[in-house]
Amino acid sequence: MVYGAGRNADSVADFTMGILLAEIRHIARAFEALRSGTYPECRKRWRQFIPELRDRVLGIVGLGNIGRKVAERAKGFGVTMLGCDPYVSEETMNKLGVVKTDLATLFKKSDFISIHVRLTPDTTGIIGETELRLMKKTAFLVNTSRGAIIDETALYHVLSEKKIAGAALDVFTKEPIFADTNNKFIQLDNVTVTPHLAGPSNEMFYRGASIVAEDIARFIRGTDLLNVLNRDVL
């Protein structure tokens, strides 16, 4: 079976930087406060901590197609980047301007942490209370990969207890989020929440079809296929 590997890497990377900025600069909250007429009071609380990206540390968990695109974009913001991915070499990370490290060190040192890990039995719940409690009180977590990567109960506790500054979340264990009336993250004042919007874009749909079409053409020509899930059947 062929698939569109990397088809949404650019769109997710764009969205990741966007939702990070929306959270740390209170963009979505400011819009909602203006609509509700509560902005004058809300801004007093927000002004207590409004970090810039420059000279801070961005930790990227997972340096596959999407994580690498995030690193490319983040470089322009002047951040120092740490990366954790057992399948990516130190040399490859260095070329991206990323310093390879272990998960615990990344969580301890990062001001912003962005998750880009494929969901598998091995990665389910890989980020739990132990990792989250290592984060700085001024740090932010971004997840545009899959909800089950993170222990959501532990994440809710560190956010509600203000053990970390905030989070930007596009994915959840139970989706669609708008149908989940029990989702507690929507009620928190230090979280930006979106309903799994990172992947789609006009270009992504065309790119995905093109990637698959190229492999179909390669199959007809009898040449090697590029993106095959079950390569053993060939």
C-alpha atoms as a PDB file:
ATOM      1  CA  MET A   1       0.000   0.000   0.000  1.00  0.00           C
ATOM      2  CA  VAL A   2       1.429   3.377  -0.996  1.00  0.00           C
ATOM      3  CA  TYR A   3       0.837   6.493   1.077  1.00  0.00           C
ATOM      4  CA  GLY A   4       1.545  10.236   0.955  1.00  0.00           C
ATOM      5  CA  ALA A   5       4.544  10.473   3.264  1.00  0.00           C
ATOM      6  CA  GLY A   6       5.240  14.033   4.348  1.00  0.00           C
ATOM      7  CA  ARG A   7       2.197  15.407   2.545  1.00  0.00           C
ATOM      8  CA  ASN A   8       1.208  17.628   5.475  1.00  0.00           C
ATOM      9  CA  ALA A   9       4.664  18.417   6.868  1.00  0.00           C
ATOM     10  CA  ASP A  10       4.625  22.051   5.745  1.00  0.00           C
ATOM     11  CA  SER A  11       1.058  22.703   6.849  1.00  0.00           C
ATOM     12  CA  VAL A  12       1.590  21.167  10.308  1.00  0.00           C
ATOM     13  CA  ALA A  13       4.890  23.027  10.763  1.00  0.00           C
ATOM     14  CA  ASP A  14       3.222  26.326   9.829  1.00  0.00           C
ATOM     15  CA  PHE A  15       0.375  25.621  12.221  1.00  0.00           C
ATOM     16  CA  THR A  16       2.753  24.642  15.017  1.00  0.00           C
ATOM     17  CA  MET A  17       4.498  28.002  14.942  1.00  0.00           C
ATOM     18  CA  GLY A  18       1.133  29.731  14.676  1.00  0.00           C
ATOM     19  CA  ILE A  19      -0.486  28.023  17.644  1.00  0.00           C
ATOM     20  CA  LEU A  20       2.667  28.508  19.733  1.00  0.00           C
ATOM     21  CA  LEU A  21       2.553  32.245  19.061  1.00  0.00           C
ATOM     22  CA  ALA A  22      -1.198  32.307  19.678  1.00  0.00           C
ATOM     23  CA  GLU A  23      -0.649  30.823  23.134  1.00  0.00           C
ATOM     24  CA  ILE A  24       2.352  32.798  24.351  1.00  0.00           C
ATOM     25  CA  ARG A  25       1.053  36.118  22.976  1.00  0.00           C
ATOM     26  CA  HIS A  26      -2.585  35.524  24.034  1.00  0.00           C
ATOM     27  CA  ILE A  27      -3.849  36.014  20.476  1.00  0.00           C
ATOM     28  CA  ALA A  28      -6.906  33.743  20.622  1.00  0.00           C
ATOM     29  CA  ARG A  29      -7.752  34.806  24.178  1.00  0.00           C
ATOM     30  CA  ALA A  30      -7.509  38.490  23.259  1.00  0.00           C
ATOM     31  CA  PHE A  31      -9.932  38.008  20.364  1.00  0.00           C
ATOM     32  CA  GLU A  32     -12.414  36.180  22.598  1.00  0.00           C
ATOM     33  CA  ALA A  33     -12.049  38.818  25.334  1.00  0.00           C
ATOM     34  CA  LEU A  34     -12.756  41.592  22.855  1.00  0.00           C
ATOM     35  CA  ARG A  35     -15.915  39.814  21.716  1.00  0.00           C
ATOM     36  CA  SER A  36     -17.083  39.243  25.276  1.00  0.00           C
ATOM     37  CA  GLY A  37     -16.146  42.726  26.489  1.00  0.00           C
ATOM     38  CA  THR A  38     -13.725  41.422  29.141  1.00  0.00           C
ATOM     39  CA  TYR A  39     -10.468  42.556  27.516  1.00  0.00           C
ATOM     40  CA  PRO A  40      -9.603  45.505  29.856  1.00  0.00           C
ATOM     41  CA  GLU A  41      -9.599  43.206  32.878  1.00  0.00           C
ATOM     42  CA  CYS A  42      -8.036  40.161  31.181  1.00  0.00           C
ATOM     43  CA  ARG A  43      -5.028  42.021  29.798  1.00  0.00           C
ATOM     44  CA  LYS A  44      -3.847  42.879  33.308  1.00  0.00           C
ATOM     45  CA  ARG A  45      -3.378  39.177  34.013  1.00  0.00           C
ATOM     46  CA  TRP A  46      -1.818  38.393  30.631  1.00  0.00           C
ATOM     47  CA  ARG A  47       0.786  41.117  30.929  1.00  0.00           C
ATOM     48  CA  GLN A  48       2.368  39.320  33.866  1.00  0.00           C
ATOM     49  CA  PHE A  49       4.229  37.025  31.444  1.00  0.00           C
ATOM     50  CA  ILE A  50       4.525  37.551  27.682  1.00  0.00           C
ATOM     51  CA  PRO A  51       7.712  35.834  26.425  1.00  0.00           C
ATOM     52  CA  GLU A  52       9.433  36.449  23.116  1.00  0.00           C
ATOM     53  CA  LEU A  53      10.979  33.562  21.192  1.00  0.00           C
ATOM     54  CA  ARG A  54      14.421  35.034  20.566  1.00  0.00           C
ATOM     55  CA  ASP A  55      17.226  33.660  22.760  1.00  0.00           C
ATOM     56  CA  ARG A  56      14.958  31.075  24.358  1.00  0.00           C
ATOM     57  CA  VAL A  57      15.148  27.279  24.023  1.00  0.00           C
ATOM     58  CA  LEU A  58      12.797  25.281  21.806  1.00  0.00           C
ATOM     59  CA  GLY A  59      12.736  21.543  22.395  1.00  0.00           C
ATOM     60  CA  ILE A  60      11.513  19.401  19.508  1.00  0.00           C
ATOM     61  CA  VAL A  61      10.454  15.852  20.311  1.00  0.00           C
ATOM     62  CA  GLY A  62      10.529  13.903  17.049  1.00  0.00           C
ATOM     63  CA  LEU A  63      12.662  15.065  14.115  1.00  0.00           C
ATOM     64  CA  GLY A  64      10.841  13.380  11.247  1.00  0.00           C
ATOM     65  CA  ASN A  65       9.336  15.228   8.276  1.00  0.00           C
ATOM     66  CA  ILE A  66       7.313  17.619  10.442  1.00  0.00           C
ATOM     67  CA  GLY A  67       9.830  18.143  13.248  1.00  0.00           C
ATOM     68  CA  ARG A  68      12.500  19.113  10.716  1.00  0.00           C
ATOM     69  CA  LYS A  69      10.169  21.629   9.081  1.00  0.00           C
ATOM     70  CA  VAL A  70       9.453  23.138  12.485  1.00  0.00           C
ATOM     71  CA  ALA A  71      13.193  23.471  13.092  1.00  0.00           C
ATOM     72  CA  GLU A  72      13.596  25.268   9.760  1.00  0.00           C
ATOM     73  CA  ARG A  73      10.893  27.771  10.665  1.00  0.00           C
ATOM     74  CA  ALA A  74      11.964  28.222  14.280  1.00  0.00           C
ATOM     75  CA  LYS A  75      15.511  29.078  13.238  1.00  0.00           C
ATOM     76  CA  GLY A  76      14.246  32.415  11.909  1.00  0.00           C
ATOM     77  CA  PHE A  77      12.931  33.330  15.355  1.00  0.00           C
ATOM     78  CA  GLY A  78      16.399  33.166  16.887  1.00  0.00           C
ATOM     79  CA  VAL A  79      15.805  30.282  19.278  1.00  0.00           C
ATOM     80  CA  THR A  80      18.279  27.681  20.482  1.00  0.00           C
ATOM     81  CA  MET A  81      16.955  24.239  19.572  1.00  0.00           C
ATOM     82  CA  LEU A  82      17.205  20.920  21.376  1.00  0.00           C
ATOM     83  CA  GLY A  83      16.017  17.685  19.755  1.00  0.00           C
ATOM     84  CA  CYS A  84      15.130  14.211  20.950  1.00  0.00           C
ATOM     85  CA  ASP A  85      14.677  11.396  18.435  1.00  0.00           C
ATOM     86  CA  PRO A  86      16.403   8.000  18.729  1.00  0.00           C
ATOM     87  CA  TYR A  87      16.095   7.447  14.974  1.00  0.00           C
ATOM     88  CA  VAL A  88      17.819  10.659  13.878  1.00  0.00           C
ATOM     89  CA  SER A  89      21.597  11.019  14.095  1.00  0.00           C
ATOM     90  CA  GLU A  90      23.414  13.817  15.873  1.00  0.00           C
ATOM     91  CA  GLU A  91      24.961  14.800  12.538  1.00  0.00           C
ATOM     92  CA  THR A  92      21.554  15.218  10.893  1.00  0.00           C
ATOM     93  CA  MET A  93      20.268  17.278  13.806  1.00  0.00           C
ATOM     94  CA  ASN A  94      23.341  19.498  13.753  1.00  0.00           C
ATOM     95  CA  LYS A  95      22.688  20.290  10.101  1.00  0.00           C
ATOM     96  CA  LEU A  96      19.261  21.543  11.166  1.00  0.00           C
ATOM     97  CA  GLY A  97      20.781  23.663  13.907  1.00  0.00           C
ATOM     98  CA  VAL A  98      19.453  21.308  16.580  1.00  0.00           C
ATOM     99  CA  VAL A  99      21.436  19.896  19.511  1.00  0.00           C
ATOM    100  CA  LYS A 100      20.613  16.242  20.129  1.00  0.00           C
ATOM    101  CA  THR A 101      19.768  15.350  23.713  1.00  0.00           C
ATOM    102  CA  ASP A 102      17.699  12.955  25.799  1.00  0.00           C
ATOM    103  CA  LEU A 103      14.047  13.484  26.691  1.00  0.00           C
ATOM    104  CA  ALA A 104      14.626  14.410  30.339  1.00  0.00           C
ATOM    105  CA  THR A 105      17.236  17.058  29.497  1.00  0.00           C
ATOM    106  CA  LEU A 106      14.998  18.496  26.794  1.00  0.00           C
ATOM    107  CA  PHE A 107      12.099  18.857  29.214  1.00  0.00           C
ATOM    108  CA  LYS A 108      14.308  20.431  31.885  1.00  0.00           C
ATOM    109  CA  LYS A 109      15.990  23.014  29.666  1.00  0.00           C
ATOM    110  CA  SER A 110      13.345  24.022  27.126  1.00  0.00           C
ATOM    111  CA  ASP A 111      11.196  27.133  27.309  1.00  0.00           C
ATOM    112  CA  PHE A 112       8.918  25.760  24.589  1.00  0.00           C
ATOM    113  CA  ILE A 113       8.411  22.078  23.764  1.00  0.00           C
ATOM    114  CA  SER A 114       6.834  20.905  20.523  1.00  0.00           C
ATOM    115  CA  ILE A 115       5.733  17.281  20.012  1.00  0.00           C
ATOM    116  CA  HIS A 116       6.043  15.618  16.588  1.00  0.00           C
ATOM    117  CA  VAL A 117       5.947  11.894  17.270  1.00  0.00           C
ATOM    118  CA  ARG A 118       4.112   9.183  15.341  1.00  0.00           C
ATOM    119  CA  LEU A 119       1.577   7.351  17.528  1.00  0.00           C
ATOM    120  CA  THR A 120       2.609   3.729  18.038  1.00  0.00           C
ATOM    121  CA  PRO A 121       2.343   1.274  20.962  1.00  0.00           C
ATOM    122  CA  ASP A 122       5.846   2.396  21.984  1.00  0.00           C
ATOM    123  CA  THR A 123       5.054   6.130  21.947  1.00  0.00           C
ATOM    124  CA  THR A 124       1.606   6.023  23.566  1.00  0.00           C
ATOM    125  CA  GLY A 125       1.880   7.927  26.848  1.00  0.00           C
ATOM    126  CA  ILE A 126       5.598   8.514  26.337  1.00  0.00           C
ATOM    127  CA  ILE A 127       5.206  11.950  27.897  1.00  0.00           C
ATOM    128  CA  GLY A 128       3.840  11.474  31.373  1.00  0.00           C
ATOM    129  CA  GLU A 129       3.873  13.122  34.765  1.00  0.00           C
ATOM    130  CA  THR A 130       7.605  12.518  35.230  1.00  0.00           C
ATOM    131  CA  GLU A 131       8.493  14.462  32.089  1.00  0.00           C
ATOM    132  CA  LEU A 132       5.910  17.207  32.625  1.00  0.00           C
ATOM    133  CA  ARG A 133       7.096  17.853  36.183  1.00  0.00           C
ATOM    134  CA  LEU A 134      10.588  18.477  34.808  1.00  0.00           C
ATOM    135  CA  MET A 135       9.402  21.515  32.853  1.00  0.00           C
ATOM    136  CA  LYS A 136      10.127  25.053  33.935  1.00  0.00           C
ATOM    137  CA  LYS A 137       7.259  26.947  35.523  1.00  0.00           C
ATOM    138  CA  THR A 138       7.594  29.444  32.642  1.00  0.00           C
ATOM    139  CA  ALA A 139       7.586  26.776  29.898  1.00  0.00           C
ATOM    140  CA  PHE A 140       4.929  25.992  27.283  1.00  0.00           C
ATOM    141  CA  LEU A 141       3.997  22.685  25.640  1.00  0.00           C
ATOM    142  CA  VAL A 142       2.719  22.361  22.065  1.00  0.00           C
ATOM    143  CA  ASN A 143       1.142  19.189  20.689  1.00  0.00           C
ATOM    144  CA  THR A 144       0.150  18.911  17.028  1.00  0.00           C
ATOM    145  CA  SER A 145       0.916  15.193  16.684  1.00  0.00           C
ATOM    146  CA  ARG A 146      -1.518  12.877  18.496  1.00  0.00           C
ATOM    147  CA  GLY A 147      -3.280  13.276  21.828  1.00  0.00           C
ATOM    148  CA  ALA A 148      -2.354   9.858  23.186  1.00  0.00           C
ATOM    149  CA  ILE A 149       1.353  10.708  23.061  1.00  0.00           C
ATOM    150  CA  ILE A 150       0.809  12.633  26.295  1.00  0.00           C
ATOM    151  CA  ASP A 151      -0.771  11.468  29.536  1.00  0.00           C
ATOM    152  CA  GLU A 152      -3.674  13.938  29.436  1.00  0.00           C
ATOM    153  CA  THR A 153      -4.534  13.550  33.118  1.00  0.00           C
ATOM    154  CA  ALA A 154      -0.998  14.502  34.106  1.00  0.00           C
ATOM    155  CA  LEU A 155      -0.984  17.390  31.625  1.00  0.00           C
ATOM    156  CA  TYR A 156      -4.251  18.722  32.983  1.00  0.00           C
ATOM    157  CA  HIS A 157      -2.874  18.656  36.520  1.00  0.00           C
ATOM    158  CA  VAL A 158       0.323  20.592  35.723  1.00  0.00           C
ATOM    159  CA  LEU A 159      -1.690  23.175  33.779  1.00  0.00           C
ATOM    160  CA  SER A 160      -4.479  23.630  36.311  1.00  0.00           C
ATOM    161  CA  GLU A 161      -1.941  23.830  39.140  1.00  0.00           C
ATOM    162  CA  LYS A 162       0.099  26.361  37.099  1.00  0.00           C
ATOM    163  CA  LYS A 163       3.188  24.159  37.315  1.00  0.00           C
ATOM    164  CA  ILE A 164       3.898  25.215  33.707  1.00  0.00           C
ATOM    165  CA  ALA A 165       2.954  28.460  31.972  1.00  0.00           C
ATOM    166  CA  GLY A 166       0.637  27.019  29.339  1.00  0.00           C
ATOM    167  CA  ALA A 167      -0.027  24.719  26.420  1.00  0.00           C
ATOM    168  CA  ALA A 168      -1.207  24.839  22.824  1.00  0.00           C
ATOM    169  CA  LEU A 169      -3.113  21.688  21.893  1.00  0.00           C
ATOM    170  CA  ASP A 170      -4.524  20.675  18.516  1.00  0.00           C
ATOM    171  CA  VAL A 171      -4.990  16.977  19.249  1.00  0.00           C
ATOM    172  CA  PHE A 172      -6.646  14.929  21.982  1.00  0.00           C
ATOM    173  CA  THR A 173      -7.137  11.307  22.915  1.00  0.00           C
ATOM    174  CA  LYS A 174     -10.882  11.671  22.456  1.00  0.00           C
ATOM    175  CA  GLU A 175     -11.888  13.437  19.246  1.00  0.00           C
ATOM    176  CA  PRO A 176     -13.651  15.349  17.837  1.00  0.00           C
ATOM    177  CA  ILE A 177     -13.102  17.717  20.737  1.00  0.00           C
ATOM    178  CA  PHE A 178     -16.201  19.792  19.932  1.00  0.00           C
ATOM    179  CA  ALA A 179     -18.318  16.703  20.622  1.00  0.00           C
ATOM    180  CA  ASP A 180     -16.556  15.956  23.907  1.00  0.00           C
ATOM    181  CA  THR A 181     -18.520  17.907  26.508  1.00  0.00           C
ATOM    182  CA  ASN A 182     -16.218  16.616  29.256  1.00  0.00           C
ATOM    183  CA  ASN A 183     -12.982  18.007  27.826  1.00  0.00           C
ATOM    184  CA  LYS A 184     -11.427  19.928  30.704  1.00  0.00           C
ATOM    185  CA  PHE A 185      -8.732  21.703  28.689  1.00  0.00           C
ATOM    186  CA  ILE A 186     -11.237  24.054  27.083  1.00  0.00           C
ATOM    187  CA  GLN A 187     -12.021  25.512  30.512  1.00  0.00           C
ATOM    188  CA  LEU A 188      -8.416  26.367  31.397  1.00  0.00           C
ATOM    189  CA  ASP A 189      -7.194  29.950  31.014  1.00  0.00           C
ATOM    190  CA  ASN A 190      -3.625  28.969  30.106  1.00  0.00           C
ATOM    191  CA  VAL A 191      -4.372  26.750  27.101  1.00  0.00           C
ATOM    192  CA  THR A 192      -5.011  27.454  23.428  1.00  0.00           C
ATOM    193  CA  VAL A 193      -7.183  24.679  21.999  1.00  0.00           C
ATOM    194  CA  THR A 194      -8.009  23.877  18.364  1.00  0.00           C
ATOM    195  CA  PRO A 195      -9.983  20.936  16.870  1.00  0.00           C
ATOM    196  CA  HIS A 196      -7.256  19.021  14.978  1.00  0.00           C
ATOM    197  CA  LEU A 197      -6.686  21.710  12.339  1.00  0.00           C
ATOM    198  CA  ALA A 198      -2.935  21.453  11.771  1.00  0.00           C
ATOM    199  CA  GLY A 199      -2.869  19.049   8.816  1.00  0.00           C
ATOM    200  CA  PRO A 200      -5.231  20.395   6.144  1.00  0.00           C
ATOM    201  CA  SER A 201      -4.243  23.072   3.635  1.00  0.00           C
ATOM    202  CA  ASN A 202      -4.955  23.658  -0.044  1.00  0.00           C
ATOM    203  CA  GLU A 203      -1.447  22.542  -0.961  1.00  0.00           C
ATOM    204  CA  MET A 204      -1.521  19.482   1.305  1.00  0.00           C
ATOM    205  CA  PHE A 205      -4.418  17.818  -0.536  1.00  0.00           C
ATOM    206  CA  TYR A 206      -2.737  18.269  -3.915  1.00  0.00           C
ATOM    207  CA  ARG A 207       0.655  17.200  -2.570  1.00  0.00           C
ATOM    208  CA  GLY A 208      -0.748  13.997  -1.037  1.00  0.00           C
ATOM    209  CA  ALA A 209      -2.445  12.989  -4.291  1.00  0.00           C
ATOM    210  CA  SER A 210       0.721  13.760  -6.264  1.00  0.00           C
ATOM    211  CA  ILE A 211       2.899  11.624  -3.982  1.00  0.00           C
ATOM    212  CA  VAL A 212       0.580   8.623  -4.343  1.00  0.00           C
ATOM    213  CA  ALA A 213       0.198   9.161  -8.113  1.00  0.00           C
ATOM    214  CA  GLU A 214       3.982   9.172  -8.519  1.00  0.00           C
ATOM    215  CA  ASP A 215       4.269   5.778  -6.844  1.00  0.00           C
ATOM    216  CA  ILE A 216       1.431   4.362  -8.968  1.00  0.00           C
ATOM    217  CA  ALA A 217       3.300   5.550 -12.068  1.00  0.00           C
ATOM    218  CA  ARG A 218       6.496   3.971 -10.746  1.00  0.00           C
ATOM    219  CA  PHE A 219       4.676   0.683 -10.196  1.00  0.00           C
ATOM    220  CA  ILE A 220       3.368   0.712 -13.784  1.00  0.00           C
ATOM    221  CA  ARG A 221       6.867   1.459 -15.093  1.00  0.00           C
ATOM    222  CA  GLY A 222       8.341  -1.308 -12.945  1.00  0.00           C
ATOM    223  CA  THR A 223      10.664   1.008 -10.994  1.00  0.00           C
ATOM    224  CA  ASP A 224      11.228   1.225  -7.239  1.00  0.00           C
ATOM    225  CA  LEU A 225       8.382   2.699  -5.180  1.00  0.00           C
ATOM    226  CA  LEU A 226       9.162   5.506  -2.753  1.00  0.00           C
ATOM    227  CA  ASN A 227       6.457   5.300  -0.085  1.00  0.00           C
ATOM    228  CA  VAL A 228       5.201   1.784   0.722  1.00  0.00           C
ATOM    229  CA  LEU A 229       3.824   0.630   4.060  1.00  0.00           C
ATOM    230  CA  ASN A 230       3.907  -3.106   3.332  1.00  0.00           C
ATOM    231  CA  ARG A 231       7.090  -3.291   1.298  1.00  0.00           C
ATOM    232  CA  ASP A 232       7.499  -7.015   2.022  1.00  0.00           C
ATOM    233  CA  VAL A 233       4.682  -7.880  -0.412  1.00  0.00           C
ATOM    234  CA  LEU A 234       6.743  -6.528  -3.288  1.00  0.00           C
END
